């Protein structure tokens, strides 16, 4: 297999004439680059990708569109910061800072979080009522260019300055009362930040271009591929809808004996329906089954399948897709015996074929 630059080669494949089939021209490395890393699919050719089915290819496209959106937001952020820096010196930022609030913090303290004292924060009423963006270029807490996960009311308890974080120049943690560095920054530091932002923007533009090319390669496959069950770990949030007919795979070991049954059921509403969980009311309960009629489970649980998915898996019981579905597409944190599932599907199909 020849060495290749994935981004460049994807561009060359897309640029070929319509008479040429991209499925015949991508190398193994280029095909693997189309598959999100954590999918763990053994795809080496475009025909392998096509074999995964329409729903799974659509989920790949959805993944890359989300990634493209992230890159677009990074580009927009870099543009915003470059515009804010354009033609300015430290004295310009000192003048800008006077348009905003330069607060004092007469009262500081700690909130109790989960039984422990939290970090030091402002406790005065003005700080609690202050609007986001009010302290731009003065202190970091309410500055529009501060980013961080530790927040309360309208301020950031601790975080990072976007100018430093995005440019990669002296990234450091800033507290709510940290003074802005821009009003006192040297010309050399300003130049370094500008260069860092330009480089960061160029990386994001390049990364988005490669992702856009992946989407363009995958989109035609959505219409060419066969309708197949989506891999359990890649199910969209609304894959199960109230009223859908489903099949539940019940299996357990009792006194050294393996029991299993494929039980019909119906999706019912629940507190977290379409929020990571699916609720199923079973049509019957085997005597050996330790649970009741109502099942609450994560939506990625391969033991719950739409009825047509179950029928498809039975129809392709001796096809590689069943093995792919059961072994490669299950969330790694989920305890599911894919080999046992395949074996029980085979047994179920044989039992239905007996006269």
Protein backbone atom coordinates (compact mmCIF):
# COMPACT_ATOMS: atom_id res chain seq x y z
CA UNK A 1 0.00 0.00 0.00
CA UNK A 2 1.49 3.26 -1.09
CA UNK A 3 2.12 6.13 1.29
CA UNK A 4 -0.45 8.89 0.95
CA UNK A 5 -1.54 12.24 2.28
CA UNK A 6 -5.20 11.58 3.02
CA UNK A 7 -6.47 15.15 2.63
CA UNK A 8 -4.69 15.76 -0.67
CA UNK A 9 -5.72 12.41 -2.14
CA UNK A 10 -9.36 12.86 -1.18
CA UNK A 11 -9.29 16.17 -3.04
CA UNK A 12 -7.82 14.47 -6.09
CA UNK A 13 -10.47 11.74 -6.05
CA UNK A 14 -13.32 14.26 -5.80
CA UNK A 15 -11.82 16.28 -8.62
CA UNK A 16 -11.88 13.38 -11.09
CA UNK A 17 -14.39 13.28 -13.90
CA UNK A 18 -17.83 11.80 -13.41
CA UNK A 19 -16.89 8.81 -15.60
CA UNK A 20 -14.34 7.67 -13.02
CA UNK A 21 -15.66 5.79 -9.99
CA UNK A 22 -14.13 7.05 -6.69
CA UNK A 23 -14.90 3.63 -5.19
CA UNK A 24 -12.15 2.17 -7.34
CA UNK A 25 -9.50 4.79 -6.60
CA UNK A 26 -9.28 5.27 -2.82
CA UNK A 27 -6.48 3.45 -1.05
CA UNK A 28 -6.99 1.54 2.20
CA UNK A 29 -5.64 4.47 4.23
CA UNK A 30 -7.98 6.90 2.50
CA UNK A 31 -10.99 4.67 3.15
CA UNK A 32 -10.07 4.27 6.82
CA UNK A 33 -9.88 8.06 7.07
CA UNK A 34 -13.58 8.22 6.13
CA UNK A 35 -14.53 6.17 9.20
CA UNK A 36 -14.57 7.98 12.57
CA UNK A 37 -11.75 6.57 14.71
CA UNK A 38 -13.89 5.27 17.57
CA UNK A 39 -16.13 3.25 15.24
CA UNK A 40 -13.51 0.48 15.06
CA UNK A 41 -14.90 -0.81 11.77
CA UNK A 42 -12.64 -3.06 9.63
CA UNK A 43 -13.32 -1.15 6.40
CA UNK A 44 -10.53 -1.22 3.83
CA UNK A 45 -12.41 -0.48 0.60
CA UNK A 46 -15.33 1.72 -0.45
CA UNK A 47 -17.33 -1.46 -1.00
CA UNK A 48 -16.78 -2.24 2.70
CA UNK A 49 -18.20 1.16 3.57
CA UNK A 50 -21.17 0.57 1.26
CA UNK A 51 -21.74 -2.81 2.93
CA UNK A 52 -22.40 -1.14 6.30
CA UNK A 53 -25.73 0.15 5.01
CA UNK A 54 -27.59 3.38 4.47
CA UNK A 55 -28.33 4.29 8.10
CA UNK A 56 -24.73 3.79 9.21
CA UNK A 57 -23.31 5.85 6.35
CA UNK A 58 -25.76 8.62 7.23
CA UNK A 59 -24.45 8.52 10.80
CA UNK A 60 -20.90 8.86 9.46
CA UNK A 61 -22.01 11.91 7.47
CA UNK A 62 -23.71 13.31 10.58
CA UNK A 63 -20.51 12.81 12.58
CA UNK A 64 -18.37 14.62 10.01
CA UNK A 65 -20.89 17.44 9.65
CA UNK A 66 -20.68 17.98 13.39
CA UNK A 67 -16.88 18.01 13.12
CA UNK A 68 -17.07 20.48 10.20
CA UNK A 69 -19.30 22.73 12.32
CA UNK A 70 -16.71 22.69 15.11
CA UNK A 71 -13.97 23.71 12.67
CA UNK A 72 -16.20 26.47 11.28
CA UNK A 73 -16.73 27.79 14.81
CA UNK A 74 -12.96 27.73 15.38
CA UNK A 75 -12.45 29.74 12.19
CA UNK A 76 -15.12 32.23 13.25
CA UNK A 77 -13.52 32.57 16.69
CA UNK A 78 -10.07 33.20 15.21
CA UNK A 79 -11.53 35.81 12.84
CA UNK A 80 -13.23 37.56 15.75
CA UNK A 81 -10.01 37.70 17.77
CA UNK A 82 -7.92 38.86 14.80
CA UNK A 83 -10.45 41.62 14.13
CA UNK A 84 -10.27 42.69 17.79
CA UNK A 85 -6.45 42.89 17.57
CA UNK A 86 -6.22 44.51 14.14
CA UNK A 87 -4.19 47.71 14.22
CA UNK A 88 -4.28 47.99 18.00
CA UNK A 89 -1.57 48.54 20.60
CA UNK A 90 -1.63 48.30 24.37
CA UNK A 91 -2.69 51.92 24.65
CA UNK A 92 -5.71 51.21 22.45
CA UNK A 93 -6.78 48.45 24.80
CA UNK A 94 -6.36 50.76 27.79
CA UNK A 95 -8.74 53.17 26.09
CA UNK A 96 -11.20 50.35 25.31
CA UNK A 97 -11.05 49.14 28.91
CA UNK A 98 -12.38 52.48 30.14
CA UNK A 99 -15.65 51.78 28.33
CA UNK A 100 -16.26 48.80 30.59
CA UNK A 101 -16.53 48.18 34.34
CA UNK A 102 -13.37 47.89 36.41
CA UNK A 103 -14.83 46.27 39.52
CA UNK A 104 -13.67 45.91 43.11
CA UNK A 105 -14.44 42.87 45.21
CA UNK A 106 -15.16 43.89 48.82
CA UNK A 107 -16.51 40.46 49.76
CA UNK A 108 -15.05 37.11 48.78
CA UNK A 109 -15.83 33.64 50.01
CA UNK A 110 -16.51 30.03 49.10
CA UNK A 111 -19.71 28.20 48.27
CA UNK A 112 -20.14 24.67 49.58
CA UNK A 113 -20.24 22.19 46.71
CA UNK A 114 -21.04 18.53 47.36
CA UNK A 115 -20.07 18.93 51.00
CA UNK A 116 -16.74 20.62 50.22
CA UNK A 117 -15.63 24.22 50.02
CA UNK A 118 -15.47 25.49 46.46
CA UNK A 119 -12.96 27.97 45.04
CA UNK A 120 -12.81 31.59 46.18
CA UNK A 121 -15.46 33.71 44.46
CA UNK A 122 -16.96 37.19 44.75
CA UNK A 123 -19.84 37.24 47.22
CA UNK A 124 -21.07 40.82 46.88
CA UNK A 125 -24.40 41.68 45.28
CA UNK A 126 -22.92 43.76 42.47
CA UNK A 127 -20.81 40.83 41.29
CA UNK A 128 -23.81 38.51 41.26
CA UNK A 129 -25.90 41.00 39.27
CA UNK A 130 -23.18 42.07 36.84
CA UNK A 131 -23.83 41.19 33.19
CA UNK A 132 -21.58 38.97 31.11
CA UNK A 133 -19.12 41.02 29.06
CA UNK A 134 -19.24 43.93 31.51
CA UNK A 135 -15.55 43.80 32.54
CA UNK A 136 -13.96 43.26 29.10
CA UNK A 137 -10.23 44.21 29.00
CA UNK A 138 -10.28 44.92 32.77
CA UNK A 139 -10.75 41.67 34.73
CA UNK A 140 -11.37 38.20 33.38
CA UNK A 141 -14.50 37.10 35.23
CA UNK A 142 -17.04 38.96 33.09
CA UNK A 143 -14.86 39.54 30.00
CA UNK A 144 -16.38 38.47 26.67
CA UNK A 145 -13.07 36.83 25.73
CA UNK A 146 -12.86 34.53 28.77
CA UNK A 147 -13.82 30.88 28.34
CA UNK A 148 -14.07 28.14 30.95
CA UNK A 149 -16.30 25.45 32.47
CA UNK A 150 -16.32 26.79 36.05
CA UNK A 151 -19.00 29.41 35.97
CA UNK A 152 -21.65 30.88 38.24
CA UNK A 153 -24.25 33.57 37.66
CA UNK A 154 -22.79 35.55 34.73
CA UNK A 155 -19.08 35.15 35.51
CA UNK A 156 -16.30 32.63 34.99
CA UNK A 157 -14.73 31.50 38.27
CA UNK A 158 -11.62 30.24 36.52
CA UNK A 159 -10.87 29.82 32.86
CA UNK A 160 -8.66 30.91 30.00
CA UNK A 161 -8.24 33.97 27.82
CA UNK A 162 -9.27 33.21 24.24
CA UNK A 163 -6.43 35.34 22.85
CA UNK A 164 -3.90 33.14 24.64
CA UNK A 165 -5.73 29.82 24.29
CA UNK A 166 -6.48 30.02 20.57
CA UNK A 167 -3.10 31.48 19.62
CA UNK A 168 -1.23 29.04 21.87
CA UNK A 169 0.83 31.90 23.32
CA UNK A 170 1.40 31.59 27.08
CA UNK A 171 -1.89 29.80 27.82
CA UNK A 172 -2.58 29.98 31.54
CA UNK A 173 -5.48 29.79 33.95
CA UNK A 174 -7.18 33.07 34.83
CA UNK A 175 -9.32 33.67 37.90
CA UNK A 176 -12.38 35.90 38.02
CA UNK A 177 -10.30 38.82 39.35
CA UNK A 178 -7.24 38.35 37.11
CA UNK A 179 -6.24 41.56 35.33
CA UNK A 180 -6.35 41.62 31.53
CA UNK A 181 -2.86 41.43 30.05
CA UNK A 182 -3.64 43.27 26.80
CA UNK A 183 -3.56 46.87 28.17
CA UNK A 184 0.07 46.28 29.17
CA UNK A 185 1.19 43.87 26.43
CA UNK A 186 4.37 44.61 24.50
CA UNK A 187 4.39 44.98 20.74
CA UNK A 188 6.35 41.74 20.44
CA UNK A 189 3.72 39.83 22.43
CA UNK A 190 0.92 41.33 20.31
CA UNK A 191 2.74 40.22 17.17
CA UNK A 192 3.25 36.73 18.57
CA UNK A 193 -0.47 36.42 19.39
CA UNK A 194 -1.46 37.63 15.92
CA UNK A 195 0.85 35.08 14.30
CA UNK A 196 -0.54 32.33 16.53
CA UNK A 197 -4.12 33.24 15.62
CA UNK A 198 -3.32 33.27 11.90
CA UNK A 199 -1.70 29.84 12.20
CA UNK A 200 -4.62 28.47 14.24
CA UNK A 201 -7.08 29.76 11.65
CA UNK A 202 -5.10 28.17 8.82
CA UNK A 203 -5.11 24.80 10.65
CA UNK A 204 -8.87 24.99 11.14
CA UNK A 205 -9.45 25.93 7.50
CA UNK A 206 -7.32 22.98 6.36
CA UNK A 207 -9.02 20.58 8.77
CA UNK A 208 -12.50 21.69 7.68
CA UNK A 209 -11.55 21.32 4.02
CA UNK A 210 -10.54 17.69 4.59
CA UNK A 211 -13.74 16.97 6.55
CA UNK A 212 -15.88 18.59 3.84
CA UNK A 213 -14.19 16.33 1.30
CA UNK A 214 -15.03 13.25 3.38
CA UNK A 215 -18.68 14.31 3.43
CA UNK A 216 -18.67 14.78 -0.34
CA UNK A 217 -17.27 11.25 -0.82
CA UNK A 218 -19.78 9.66 1.59
CA UNK A 219 -22.96 11.46 0.53
CA UNK A 220 -23.50 9.55 -2.76
CA UNK A 221 -23.24 6.27 -0.84
CA UNK A 222 -26.31 7.21 1.23
CA UNK A 223 -28.50 6.66 -1.82
CA UNK A 224 -26.56 3.67 -3.17
CA UNK A 225 -26.44 1.65 0.05
CA UNK A 226 -28.99 -0.94 1.13
CA UNK A 227 -31.34 -0.25 4.05
CA UNK A 228 -29.83 -2.12 7.00
CA UNK A 229 -30.01 -1.94 10.80
CA UNK A 230 -27.99 0.89 12.27
CA UNK A 231 -25.13 -0.20 14.52
CA UNK A 232 -26.34 -0.03 18.16
CA UNK A 233 -23.53 2.30 19.27
CA UNK A 234 -24.39 4.71 16.42
CA UNK A 235 -28.15 4.95 16.85
CA UNK A 236 -29.50 8.50 16.51
CA UNK A 237 -31.32 9.81 19.56
CA UNK A 238 -34.75 9.32 17.94
CA UNK A 239 -34.15 5.85 16.51
CA UNK A 240 -36.86 4.39 18.77
CA UNK A 241 -40.24 6.11 18.65
CA UNK A 242 -43.32 5.57 20.79
CA UNK A 243 -45.44 2.83 19.24
CA UNK A 244 -42.55 1.16 17.36
CA UNK A 245 -42.64 -2.63 17.38
CA UNK A 246 -39.41 -4.02 18.77
CA UNK A 247 -37.81 -7.32 19.69
CA UNK A 248 -36.00 -7.80 23.00
CA UNK A 249 -33.21 -10.36 23.25
CA UNK A 250 -33.45 -11.93 26.69
CA UNK A 251 -30.62 -14.23 27.70
CA UNK A 252 -29.22 -15.53 30.98
CA UNK A 253 -27.56 -18.52 32.58
CA UNK A 254 -29.59 -20.47 35.13
CA UNK A 255 -28.05 -23.47 36.93
CA UNK A 256 -25.46 -23.83 34.21
CA UNK A 257 -28.03 -23.79 31.42
CA UNK A 258 -28.26 -21.05 28.77
CA UNK A 259 -31.73 -19.62 28.31
CA UNK A 260 -32.66 -17.17 25.59
CA UNK A 261 -35.70 -15.86 23.81
CA UNK A 262 -36.50 -13.10 21.34
CA UNK A 263 -39.53 -11.37 22.85
CA UNK A 264 -41.78 -8.97 20.92
CA UNK A 265 -42.58 -5.63 22.54
CA UNK A 266 -43.62 -2.05 21.95
CA UNK A 267 -41.81 1.23 22.65
CA UNK A 268 -43.66 3.30 25.25
CA UNK A 269 -43.08 6.81 26.57
CA UNK A 270 -40.81 7.52 29.50
CA UNK A 271 -39.12 10.29 31.44
CA UNK A 272 -35.95 10.24 29.29
CA UNK A 273 -37.37 9.02 25.99
CA UNK A 274 -35.12 10.38 23.20
CA UNK A 275 -32.64 11.41 25.91
CA UNK A 276 -30.47 8.31 26.00
CA UNK A 277 -33.07 5.81 27.20
CA UNK A 278 -35.71 3.64 25.58
CA UNK A 279 -38.74 2.17 27.36
CA UNK A 280 -40.24 -1.12 26.16
CA UNK A 281 -43.35 -3.04 27.22
CA UNK A 282 -42.87 -6.73 26.51
CA UNK A 283 -45.59 -8.85 25.00
CA UNK A 284 -44.83 -11.79 27.28
CA UNK A 285 -42.39 -12.83 30.00
CA UNK A 286 -40.63 -16.22 30.04
CA UNK A 287 -40.80 -17.99 33.40
CA UNK A 288 -37.02 -17.91 33.76
CA UNK A 289 -36.78 -14.18 32.99
CA UNK A 290 -35.89 -12.19 36.16
CA UNK A 291 -37.42 -8.87 35.05
CA UNK A 292 -40.95 -7.57 34.61
CA UNK A 293 -43.01 -6.55 31.59
CA UNK A 294 -41.54 -3.04 31.41
CA UNK A 295 -37.91 -2.62 30.34
CA UNK A 296 -35.91 0.57 30.75
CA UNK A 297 -32.59 0.53 28.95
CA UNK A 298 -30.00 2.67 27.21
CA UNK A 299 -30.89 3.29 23.59
CA UNK A 300 -27.57 1.77 22.51
CA UNK A 301 -28.39 -1.62 24.01
CA UNK A 302 -28.14 -4.17 21.15
CA UNK A 303 -30.60 -6.43 23.00
CA UNK A 304 -33.37 -4.07 21.84
CA UNK A 305 -34.00 -3.96 18.09
CA UNK A 306 -36.73 -2.57 15.89
CA UNK A 307 -38.82 -5.45 14.54
CA UNK A 308 -37.62 -4.92 10.98
CA UNK A 309 -34.00 -4.85 12.20
CA UNK A 310 -34.49 -8.22 13.89
CA UNK A 311 -36.07 -9.64 10.72
CA UNK A 312 -33.13 -8.37 8.67
CA UNK A 313 -30.56 -9.88 11.05
CA UNK A 314 -32.38 -13.21 10.87
CA UNK A 315 -32.50 -13.04 7.08
CA UNK A 316 -28.74 -12.44 6.92
CA UNK A 317 -27.88 -14.92 9.67
CA UNK A 318 -25.16 -16.46 7.50
CA UNK A 319 -23.97 -13.10 6.19
CA UNK A 320 -21.01 -11.12 7.51
CA UNK A 321 -23.29 -8.19 8.37
CA UNK A 322 -24.73 -10.03 11.40
CA UNK A 323 -21.20 -10.53 12.77
CA UNK A 324 -20.32 -6.91 12.01
CA UNK A 325 -23.48 -5.68 13.77
CA UNK A 326 -23.04 -7.86 16.84
CA UNK A 327 -19.29 -7.63 17.37
CA UNK A 328 -17.96 -4.32 16.08
CA UNK A 329 -20.81 -1.94 16.78
CA UNK A 330 -21.51 -2.44 20.47
CA UNK A 331 -20.44 0.28 22.94
CA UNK A 332 -17.20 -0.95 24.58
CA UNK A 333 -18.58 -0.20 28.06
CA UNK A 334 -21.63 -2.43 27.52
CA UNK A 335 -21.56 -6.05 28.64
CA UNK A 336 -22.94 -7.84 25.61
CA UNK A 337 -21.98 -11.28 24.34
CA UNK A 338 -21.90 -10.70 20.60
CA UNK A 339 -20.81 -14.27 19.83
CA UNK A 340 -23.63 -15.64 21.97
CA UNK A 341 -26.11 -13.36 20.23
CA UNK A 342 -24.99 -14.60 16.80
CA UNK A 343 -25.27 -18.21 17.96
CA UNK A 344 -28.78 -17.64 19.34
CA UNK A 345 -29.88 -15.90 16.11
CA UNK A 346 -28.69 -18.92 14.14
CA UNK A 347 -30.60 -21.26 16.48
CA UNK A 348 -33.73 -19.11 16.21
CA UNK A 349 -33.61 -19.14 12.41
CA UNK A 350 -33.16 -22.94 12.35
CA UNK A 351 -36.10 -23.42 14.72
CA UNK A 352 -38.36 -21.40 12.41
CA UNK A 353 -37.26 -23.52 9.43
CA UNK A 354 -38.23 -26.82 11.07
CA UNK A 355 -41.50 -28.29 9.77
